[in-house]
């Protein structure tokens, strides 16, 4: 029974995906729920698992763009070797079920017709790498998958010298590649013996500057990021206000309760939960920043879905913590850890990225001292956190060394005035510098 492998639907707005990588090769045995391949859409990167155990037959190459619902491969469930029971059979069972006589491995994969006596007086046979796959015995070619047959034909390999590692000693694509690595070059002998052709006089050398560049197409996620950033610049009246926060007090509290917090809740107490709580307080006071423009209307949200920007090797993703105002410090930290694990394991769902009303990004983890964050449209506000640095500051008319952080609030000036933006950032500053204003739950 063949089972089709289809690209699953990951959201109504997603119509296609790029098949980034096959984890298994054509002809390999796969187990149910084992990761098969990785896809990337304009929003998420996901691993697709096998729906059943069997032999994989790939139909689409890595790097191809495919539509949602497209068949990219098949699993032949009939060819799965039955699992061997861990318990040894009893003597009675052994006598009832006598195993069939299995021919030696050489008879399955290496049995070639007996040579005629006249062969001894003929010329020496072609080298193994020069024997076309069409001239090889039928019993050898029929057990090969399409991908393996193509590779054998392309490299002119005599498969009688290859030992199969697949189920039932089937020769896989990996076996052929391993054979090529160990064997001499598969190029025909004539081509090897031929002297290199002299370059034509009219041929021009390739300019060195062209050799020093690599051109690659943008990934779907990168294309979407580029489009959204341009949209934010062109469709909003974006402005940024800055301030600095004395992190000394909150760092002391974090140090004091860090171990007790982790022991009770199983997660570390970070700075992000403090900033989420502080931002929610500011958004409650200034609802324009938690709203967005829709034509000639302003849509106000009466909930607080805070997006947390997370940098990955493929681009920036912003998973959303829903109803952040109703979550405790521990629940916020657990939500962040869960998102990070999902991103690392390519398990982030499209629903995890939708519905945000405000975003927080922390460039400080990469060493950024100050930056201007760009709005995550259609949202009207984004807070940028930065590196904590010890600096001399004036406290009660005395110069002291304090742990300081610059913060930046970018906002849509169409619905958020400067007074609301500046005051809301001051309110965030007050909540962080005096964390007693926000309830600690440890």
Protein backbone atom coordinates (compact mmCIF):
# COMPACT_ATOMS: atom_id res chain seq x y z
CA UNK A 1 0.00 0.00 0.00
CA UNK A 2 1.42 3.36 -1.04
CA UNK A 3 0.76 6.40 1.14
CA UNK A 4 1.11 9.84 -0.42
CA UNK A 5 3.16 12.47 1.39
CA UNK A 6 1.53 15.87 0.97
CA UNK A 7 2.48 19.39 1.99
CA UNK A 8 0.08 20.17 4.87
CA UNK A 9 -1.95 23.34 5.23
CA UNK A 10 -0.33 25.71 7.73
CA UNK A 11 -2.80 28.59 7.43
CA UNK A 12 -5.31 30.08 5.03
CA UNK A 13 -2.90 32.79 3.88
CA UNK A 14 -0.12 30.34 2.99
CA UNK A 15 -0.37 28.91 -0.54
CA UNK A 16 3.11 27.45 -1.15
CA UNK A 17 6.26 26.32 0.62
CA UNK A 18 9.88 25.51 -0.14
CA UNK A 19 11.04 21.96 0.53
CA UNK A 20 14.29 22.90 2.24
CA UNK A 21 15.74 19.51 3.15
CA UNK A 22 14.99 15.79 3.01
CA UNK A 23 16.09 14.06 6.21
CA UNK A 24 15.86 10.69 4.46
CA UNK A 25 17.09 9.62 1.04
CA UNK A 26 15.05 8.00 -1.71
CA UNK A 27 14.75 4.27 -0.95
CA UNK A 28 15.43 4.65 2.78
CA UNK A 29 13.27 2.93 5.37
CA UNK A 30 11.28 5.32 7.57
CA UNK A 31 9.32 4.83 10.75
CA UNK A 32 5.96 6.33 11.65
CA UNK A 33 6.24 9.82 13.26
CA UNK A 34 9.88 10.07 12.18
CA UNK A 35 10.80 13.51 10.72
CA UNK A 36 10.93 13.23 6.91
CA UNK A 37 11.64 16.70 5.58
CA UNK A 38 11.73 20.40 6.37
CA UNK A 39 9.52 23.01 4.70
CA UNK A 40 9.72 26.78 4.88
CA UNK A 41 6.82 29.13 4.19
CA UNK A 42 6.74 32.90 4.23
CA UNK A 43 5.90 32.73 7.93
CA UNK A 44 7.18 29.54 9.56
CA UNK A 45 9.61 26.65 9.22
CA UNK A 46 8.15 23.21 9.96
CA UNK A 47 9.28 19.60 10.11
CA UNK A 48 6.92 17.09 8.49
CA UNK A 49 6.80 13.58 9.96
CA UNK A 50 5.95 10.23 8.38
CA UNK A 51 2.34 9.10 8.67
CA UNK A 52 3.32 5.44 8.42
CA UNK A 53 6.34 3.17 8.33
CA UNK A 54 7.70 2.00 4.99
CA UNK A 55 10.13 2.67 2.15
CA UNK A 56 10.42 6.31 1.08
CA UNK A 57 10.08 7.36 -2.55
CA UNK A 58 10.83 11.06 -3.04
CA UNK A 59 9.18 12.91 -5.93
CA UNK A 60 10.41 16.48 -5.29
CA UNK A 61 13.98 17.70 -4.95
CA UNK A 62 15.37 19.87 -2.19
CA UNK A 63 14.95 23.58 -2.89
CA UNK A 64 11.79 23.16 -5.00
CA UNK A 65 8.77 25.38 -4.37
CA UNK A 66 5.59 23.34 -4.01
CA UNK A 67 1.92 24.19 -3.49
CA UNK A 68 0.04 23.38 -0.32
CA UNK A 69 -1.46 19.90 -0.76
CA UNK A 70 1.09 18.86 -3.38
CA UNK A 71 2.39 15.27 -3.28
CA UNK A 72 6.15 15.34 -2.68
CA UNK A 73 6.72 11.65 -2.05
CA UNK A 74 5.24 8.28 -1.23
CA UNK A 75 5.73 5.63 1.44
CA UNK A 76 5.46 2.00 0.39
CA UNK A 77 4.11 0.42 3.56
CA UNK A 78 4.30 -3.12 2.11
CA UNK A 79 8.07 -3.12 2.05
CA UNK A 80 8.59 -2.52 5.74
CA UNK A 81 10.34 -5.44 7.38
CA UNK A 82 8.29 -6.78 10.25
CA UNK A 83 9.60 -5.85 13.67
CA UNK A 84 11.40 -8.69 15.38
CA UNK A 85 9.98 -9.58 18.75
CA UNK A 86 12.32 -8.91 21.64
CA UNK A 87 11.21 -12.16 23.29
CA UNK A 88 12.81 -15.32 21.98
CA UNK A 89 10.31 -17.85 20.57
CA UNK A 90 9.67 -21.03 22.48
CA UNK A 91 10.89 -24.42 21.18
CA UNK A 92 7.32 -25.26 20.17
CA UNK A 93 7.00 -22.04 18.17
CA UNK A 94 10.35 -22.67 16.51
CA UNK A 95 9.29 -26.12 15.37
CA UNK A 96 5.97 -24.85 13.98
CA UNK A 97 7.40 -21.87 12.13
CA UNK A 98 10.41 -23.04 10.23
CA UNK A 99 12.18 -20.13 8.53
CA UNK A 100 12.30 -20.12 4.78
CA UNK A 101 15.63 -20.75 3.23
CA UNK A 102 17.14 -17.36 2.35
CA UNK A 103 19.64 -17.33 -0.50
CA UNK A 104 23.03 -15.91 0.30
CA UNK A 105 23.50 -12.17 -0.16
CA UNK A 106 25.70 -12.80 -3.20
CA UNK A 107 22.82 -14.61 -4.93
CA UNK A 108 20.44 -11.68 -4.41
CA UNK A 109 22.61 -8.77 -5.50
CA UNK A 110 25.69 -10.21 -7.16
CA UNK A 111 24.42 -13.15 -9.21
CA UNK A 112 25.59 -12.54 -12.79
CA UNK A 113 25.19 -15.02 -15.68
CA UNK A 114 27.93 -17.64 -15.95
CA UNK A 115 30.53 -16.43 -18.47
CA UNK A 116 30.92 -18.41 -21.67
CA UNK A 117 34.25 -20.18 -22.17
CA UNK A 118 34.96 -17.96 -25.17
CA UNK A 119 35.11 -14.95 -22.87
CA UNK A 120 38.62 -15.94 -21.82
CA UNK A 121 39.98 -15.29 -25.31
CA UNK A 122 38.14 -11.98 -25.73
CA UNK A 123 39.38 -8.58 -24.75
CA UNK A 124 39.32 -7.59 -21.09
CA UNK A 125 35.86 -6.43 -19.95
CA UNK A 126 35.13 -2.77 -19.39
CA UNK A 127 36.01 -1.28 -16.07
CA UNK A 128 33.27 -1.30 -13.44
CA UNK A 129 32.65 2.41 -13.73
CA UNK A 130 32.16 2.14 -17.52
CA UNK A 131 29.40 -0.49 -17.51
CA UNK A 132 26.06 1.15 -18.40
CA UNK A 133 23.20 0.30 -16.07
CA UNK A 134 21.09 -0.90 -19.03
CA UNK A 135 23.53 -3.75 -19.68
CA UNK A 136 23.48 -4.97 -16.11
CA UNK A 137 21.39 -8.00 -15.09
CA UNK A 138 17.64 -7.43 -14.73
CA UNK A 139 17.59 -8.93 -11.25
CA UNK A 140 20.00 -6.21 -10.15
CA UNK A 141 18.25 -3.27 -11.82
CA UNK A 142 14.73 -4.13 -10.73
CA UNK A 143 15.50 -3.80 -6.99
CA UNK A 144 16.81 -0.25 -7.40
CA UNK A 145 14.70 2.82 -6.69
CA UNK A 146 14.32 5.41 -9.50
CA UNK A 147 16.79 7.78 -7.84
CA UNK A 148 19.40 5.04 -7.47
CA UNK A 149 18.93 3.94 -11.09
CA UNK A 150 19.44 7.50 -12.29
CA UNK A 151 22.64 7.86 -10.25
CA UNK A 152 23.98 4.49 -11.45
CA UNK A 153 23.26 5.39 -15.07
CA UNK A 154 24.77 8.84 -14.70
CA UNK A 155 28.01 7.53 -13.19
CA UNK A 156 28.14 4.30 -15.27
CA UNK A 157 28.55 2.10 -12.21
CA UNK A 158 28.57 -1.70 -12.07
CA UNK A 159 26.33 -2.31 -9.06
CA UNK A 160 27.43 -5.93 -8.69
CA UNK A 161 30.29 -4.63 -6.56
CA UNK A 162 28.07 -2.65 -4.18
CA UNK A 163 26.81 -4.13 -0.93
CA UNK A 164 23.30 -2.94 -0.01
CA UNK A 165 22.49 -1.64 3.46
CA UNK A 166 18.75 -1.08 3.01
CA UNK A 167 15.89 -3.36 4.07
CA UNK A 168 16.33 -6.80 2.52
CA UNK A 169 19.88 -5.76 1.53
CA UNK A 170 18.40 -3.24 -0.91
CA UNK A 171 21.00 -0.93 -2.49
CA UNK A 172 20.25 2.66 -1.43
CA UNK A 173 21.44 5.95 -2.83
CA UNK A 174 23.75 6.28 0.18
CA UNK A 175 25.40 2.94 -0.69
CA UNK A 176 26.13 4.20 -4.21
CA UNK A 177 27.54 7.50 -2.96
CA UNK A 178 29.73 5.66 -0.46
CA UNK A 179 30.98 3.40 -3.28
CA UNK A 180 31.85 6.46 -5.36
CA UNK A 181 33.79 7.98 -2.47
CA UNK A 182 35.90 4.85 -2.03
CA UNK A 183 36.28 3.94 -5.72
CA UNK A 184 38.38 5.82 -8.28
CA UNK A 185 36.74 8.57 -10.29
CA UNK A 186 33.70 7.39 -12.25
CA UNK A 187 34.67 9.31 -15.34
CA UNK A 188 35.29 7.13 -18.44
CA UNK A 189 38.87 6.07 -18.94
CA UNK A 190 39.14 7.78 -22.31
CA UNK A 191 38.18 11.05 -20.76
CA UNK A 192 40.76 10.50 -18.03
CA UNK A 193 43.53 9.62 -20.45
CA UNK A 194 42.77 12.44 -22.84
CA UNK A 195 45.05 15.40 -22.63
CA UNK A 196 43.41 18.63 -21.49
CA UNK A 197 42.18 20.65 -24.44
CA UNK A 198 43.93 23.89 -25.14
CA UNK A 199 41.72 26.88 -24.41
CA UNK A 200 40.43 28.64 -27.48
CA UNK A 201 42.29 31.81 -28.28
CA UNK A 202 39.05 33.77 -28.26
CA UNK A 203 38.14 32.63 -24.74
CA UNK A 204 38.32 35.45 -22.21
CA UNK A 205 39.32 34.93 -18.57
CA UNK A 206 36.51 35.30 -16.01
CA UNK A 207 36.89 38.62 -14.17
CA UNK A 208 38.09 38.05 -10.63
CA UNK A 209 35.29 40.17 -9.16
CA UNK A 210 32.71 37.72 -10.57
CA UNK A 211 34.45 34.80 -8.86
CA UNK A 212 34.15 36.47 -5.46
CA UNK A 213 30.36 36.66 -5.28
CA UNK A 214 27.61 34.14 -4.56
CA UNK A 215 24.04 34.69 -5.68
CA UNK A 216 21.24 32.93 -3.79
CA UNK A 217 17.48 33.43 -3.96
CA UNK A 218 15.76 34.87 -0.90
CA UNK A 219 13.99 32.34 1.29
CA UNK A 220 10.22 32.80 1.72
CA UNK A 221 10.70 34.05 5.28
CA UNK A 222 13.35 36.56 4.21
CA UNK A 223 11.13 37.81 1.36
CA UNK A 224 8.25 38.33 3.79
CA UNK A 225 10.47 40.13 6.29
CA UNK A 226 11.70 42.46 3.54
CA UNK A 227 8.16 43.12 2.34
CA UNK A 228 6.83 43.80 5.85
CA UNK A 229 9.69 46.17 6.68
CA UNK A 230 9.13 48.17 3.50
CA UNK A 231 5.40 48.22 4.18
CA UNK A 232 6.01 49.60 7.68
CA UNK A 233 8.26 52.34 6.31
CA UNK A 234 5.89 53.32 3.49
CA UNK A 235 2.46 52.93 5.12
CA UNK A 236 3.03 54.35 8.62
CA UNK A 237 4.19 57.65 10.06
CA UNK A 238 6.81 55.97 12.23
CA UNK A 239 8.66 57.90 14.90
CA UNK A 240 10.92 56.76 17.75
CA UNK A 241 11.43 58.12 21.25
CA UNK A 242 14.30 57.09 23.54
CA UNK A 243 15.00 56.85 27.25
CA UNK A 244 17.32 55.01 29.63
CA UNK A 245 16.49 52.72 32.50
CA UNK A 246 18.47 52.06 35.66
CA UNK A 247 18.48 48.26 35.84
CA UNK A 248 20.36 48.07 39.17
CA UNK A 249 17.32 47.44 41.36
CA UNK A 250 15.64 44.83 39.16
CA UNK A 251 18.98 43.04 38.71
CA UNK A 252 19.35 42.85 42.49
CA UNK A 253 15.85 41.42 42.87
CA UNK A 254 16.49 38.91 40.10
CA UNK A 255 19.72 37.79 41.78
CA UNK A 256 18.04 37.52 45.18
CA UNK A 257 15.10 35.38 44.07
CA UNK A 258 16.61 33.58 41.08
CA UNK A 259 17.21 30.23 42.76
CA UNK A 260 13.93 30.19 44.70
CA UNK A 261 12.03 31.13 41.53
CA UNK A 262 13.60 28.35 39.48
CA UNK A 263 13.12 25.79 42.25
CA UNK A 264 9.42 26.62 42.54
CA UNK A 265 8.51 27.13 38.86
CA UNK A 266 11.18 25.18 36.95
CA UNK A 267 12.23 28.15 34.78
CA UNK A 268 14.74 30.95 35.22
CA UNK A 269 13.64 34.47 36.06
CA UNK A 270 14.68 36.71 33.18
CA UNK A 271 14.29 40.40 32.40
CA UNK A 272 11.71 39.87 29.65
CA UNK A 273 8.89 39.09 32.07
CA UNK A 274 9.54 42.40 33.88
CA UNK A 275 9.36 44.31 30.59
CA UNK A 276 6.19 42.50 29.48
CA UNK A 277 4.50 43.42 32.76
CA UNK A 278 5.72 47.03 32.49
CA UNK A 279 4.54 47.32 28.87
CA UNK A 280 1.08 45.99 29.75
CA UNK A 281 0.75 48.67 32.42
CA UNK A 282 1.72 51.36 29.90
CA UNK A 283 -0.66 49.96 27.25
CA UNK A 284 -3.55 50.04 29.72
CA UNK A 285 -2.86 53.71 30.37
CA UNK A 286 -2.35 54.60 26.70
CA UNK A 287 -4.68 52.36 24.62
CA UNK A 288 -3.71 54.11 21.34
CA UNK A 289 -0.40 52.22 21.38
CA UNK A 290 -2.34 48.94 21.65
CA UNK A 291 -4.53 49.87 18.67
CA UNK A 292 -4.06 50.06 14.88
CA UNK A 293 -5.32 52.03 11.89
CA UNK A 294 -7.85 50.35 9.58
CA UNK A 295 -8.72 52.72 6.74
CA UNK A 296 -10.31 55.74 8.39
CA UNK A 297 -10.96 53.88 11.64
CA UNK A 298 -8.91 53.16 14.74
CA UNK A 299 -9.35 49.63 16.11
CA UNK A 300 -8.73 49.42 19.85
CA UNK A 301 -7.85 46.06 21.40
CA UNK A 302 -9.21 45.22 24.83
CA UNK A 303 -6.65 42.45 25.27
CA UNK A 304 -2.87 42.41 25.36
CA UNK A 305 -1.22 39.94 23.01
CA UNK A 306 2.49 40.72 23.26
CA UNK A 307 4.85 39.50 20.53
CA UNK A 308 8.44 38.62 21.47
CA UNK A 309 10.92 38.97 18.59
CA UNK A 310 13.28 35.99 18.37
CA UNK A 311 16.23 35.96 15.98
CA UNK A 312 16.96 32.73 14.11
CA UNK A 313 19.43 31.71 11.45
CA UNK A 314 16.71 32.11 8.80
CA UNK A 315 15.28 35.41 9.97
CA UNK A 316 13.28 37.12 12.69
CA UNK A 317 10.10 35.49 13.98
CA UNK A 318 7.69 37.02 16.49
CA UNK A 319 5.69 34.45 18.49
CA UNK A 320 2.81 35.97 20.44
CA UNK A 321 2.08 35.56 24.15
CA UNK A 322 -1.69 35.86 24.37
CA UNK A 323 -3.46 37.67 27.22
CA UNK A 324 -0.14 38.63 28.76
CA UNK A 325 -1.96 40.76 31.35
CA UNK A 326 -3.48 37.61 32.88
CA UNK A 327 -0.20 35.67 33.20
CA UNK A 328 2.17 35.55 36.14
CA UNK A 329 5.92 36.08 35.90
CA UNK A 330 6.43 32.31 35.88
CA UNK A 331 3.81 31.76 33.16
CA UNK A 332 5.41 34.44 31.00
CA UNK A 333 8.87 32.91 31.38
CA UNK A 334 7.50 29.43 30.60
CA UNK A 335 5.78 30.75 27.47
CA UNK A 336 9.04 32.27 26.25
CA UNK A 337 10.98 29.03 26.88
CA UNK A 338 8.30 27.02 25.05
CA UNK A 339 8.52 29.30 22.01
CA UNK A 340 12.30 29.07 21.91
CA UNK A 341 12.09 25.25 22.02
CA UNK A 342 9.52 25.25 19.22
CA UNK A 343 11.71 27.46 17.07
CA UNK A 344 14.79 25.31 17.64
CA UNK A 345 12.86 22.14 16.75
CA UNK A 346 10.94 23.67 13.82
CA UNK A 347 7.62 23.13 15.56
CA UNK A 348 6.34 26.71 15.57
CA UNK A 349 2.75 26.86 14.30
CA UNK A 350 1.31 29.68 12.22
CA UNK A 351 -1.18 30.37 15.04
CA UNK A 352 1.78 31.15 17.32
CA UNK A 353 2.64 34.15 15.14
CA UNK A 354 -0.77 35.72 14.65
CA UNK A 355 -2.84 38.26 16.58
CA UNK A 356 -0.15 40.33 18.30
CA UNK A 357 -1.09 43.85 19.46
CA UNK A 358 2.35 45.05 20.63
CA UNK A 359 5.92 43.79 20.18
CA UNK A 360 9.09 43.72 22.28
CA UNK A 361 12.50 43.13 20.71
CA UNK A 362 15.79 42.74 22.60
CA UNK A 363 18.82 43.66 20.53
CA UNK A 364 20.86 43.71 23.71
CA UNK A 365 21.37 39.94 23.56
CA UNK A 366 23.49 40.57 20.44
CA UNK A 367 25.36 43.51 21.99
CA UNK A 368 23.32 46.39 20.54
CA UNK A 369 23.66 49.55 22.61
CA UNK A 370 21.02 51.59 20.78
CA UNK A 371 18.77 51.06 17.76
CA UNK A 372 15.51 52.17 16.16
CA UNK A 373 13.08 49.22 15.95
CA UNK A 374 10.68 49.11 12.98
CA UNK A 375 6.96 48.58 13.56
CA UNK A 376 5.51 45.12 13.15
CA UNK A 377 2.52 46.19 11.06
CA UNK A 378 -0.38 46.61 11.58
CA UNK A 379 0.68 47.22 15.19
CA UNK A 380 1.26 50.78 16.32
CA UNK A 381 4.03 50.25 18.86
CA UNK A 382 7.24 48.29 19.44
CA UNK A 383 9.68 48.50 22.34
CA UNK A 384 13.39 47.97 21.75
CA UNK A 385 15.53 46.74 24.64
CA UNK A 386 19.32 47.00 24.50
CA UNK A 387 22.56 46.01 26.18
CA UNK A 388 22.95 46.60 29.91
CA UNK A 389 26.11 48.60 30.57
CA UNK A 390 27.62 50.02 33.71
CA UNK A 391 27.91 53.79 33.43
CA UNK A 392 28.55 56.72 35.77
CA UNK A 393 25.25 58.48 36.47
CA UNK A 394 24.08 61.13 38.90
CA UNK A 395 21.98 59.72 41.75
CA UNK A 396 20.91 62.11 44.54
CA UNK A 397 23.53 64.62 43.38
CA UNK A 398 26.26 62.00 43.57
CA UNK A 399 28.06 60.24 40.73
CA UNK A 400 27.54 56.49 41.01
CA UNK A 401 28.18 53.46 38.84
CA UNK A 402 24.83 51.99 37.77
CA UNK A 403 23.71 49.26 35.36
CA UNK A 404 21.94 51.20 32.61
CA UNK A 405 19.93 50.22 29.54
CA UNK A 406 18.80 52.40 26.65
CA UNK A 407 15.25 51.71 25.48
CA UNK A 408 13.47 52.87 22.33
CA UNK A 409 9.75 53.04 21.57
CA UNK A 410 8.78 53.28 17.90
CA UNK A 411 5.16 54.23 17.27
CA UNK A 412 2.72 55.14 14.50
CA UNK A 413 2.40 58.91 14.73
CA UNK A 414 -0.93 58.79 12.88
CA UNK A 415 -2.75 57.67 16.02
CA UNK A 416 -0.14 58.05 18.77
CA UNK A 417 0.92 61.57 19.68
CA UNK A 418 4.35 62.39 21.05
CA UNK A 419 2.96 63.05 24.53
CA UNK A 420 1.42 59.56 24.78
CA UNK A 421 4.52 57.88 23.39
CA UNK A 422 6.98 59.69 25.65
CA UNK A 423 4.81 59.29 28.74
CA UNK A 424 4.23 55.59 28.10
CA UNK A 425 7.99 55.01 27.83
CA UNK A 426 8.48 56.92 31.07
CA UNK A 427 5.85 54.67 32.67
CA UNK A 428 7.78 51.58 31.52
CA UNK A 429 10.94 53.10 32.97
CA UNK A 430 9.22 53.69 36.33
CA UNK A 431 7.92 50.12 36.50
CA UNK A 432 11.36 48.63 35.83
CA UNK A 433 13.25 50.95 38.15
CA UNK A 434 10.65 50.35 40.90
CA UNK A 435 9.53 46.75 40.33
CA UNK A 436 7.41 46.92 43.47
CA UNK A 437 4.88 48.69 41.24
CA UNK A 438 4.25 45.43 39.47
CA UNK A 439 3.36 42.37 41.52
CA UNK A 440 6.07 39.78 42.05
CA UNK A 441 4.76 36.23 42.26
CA UNK A 442 7.54 34.11 43.73
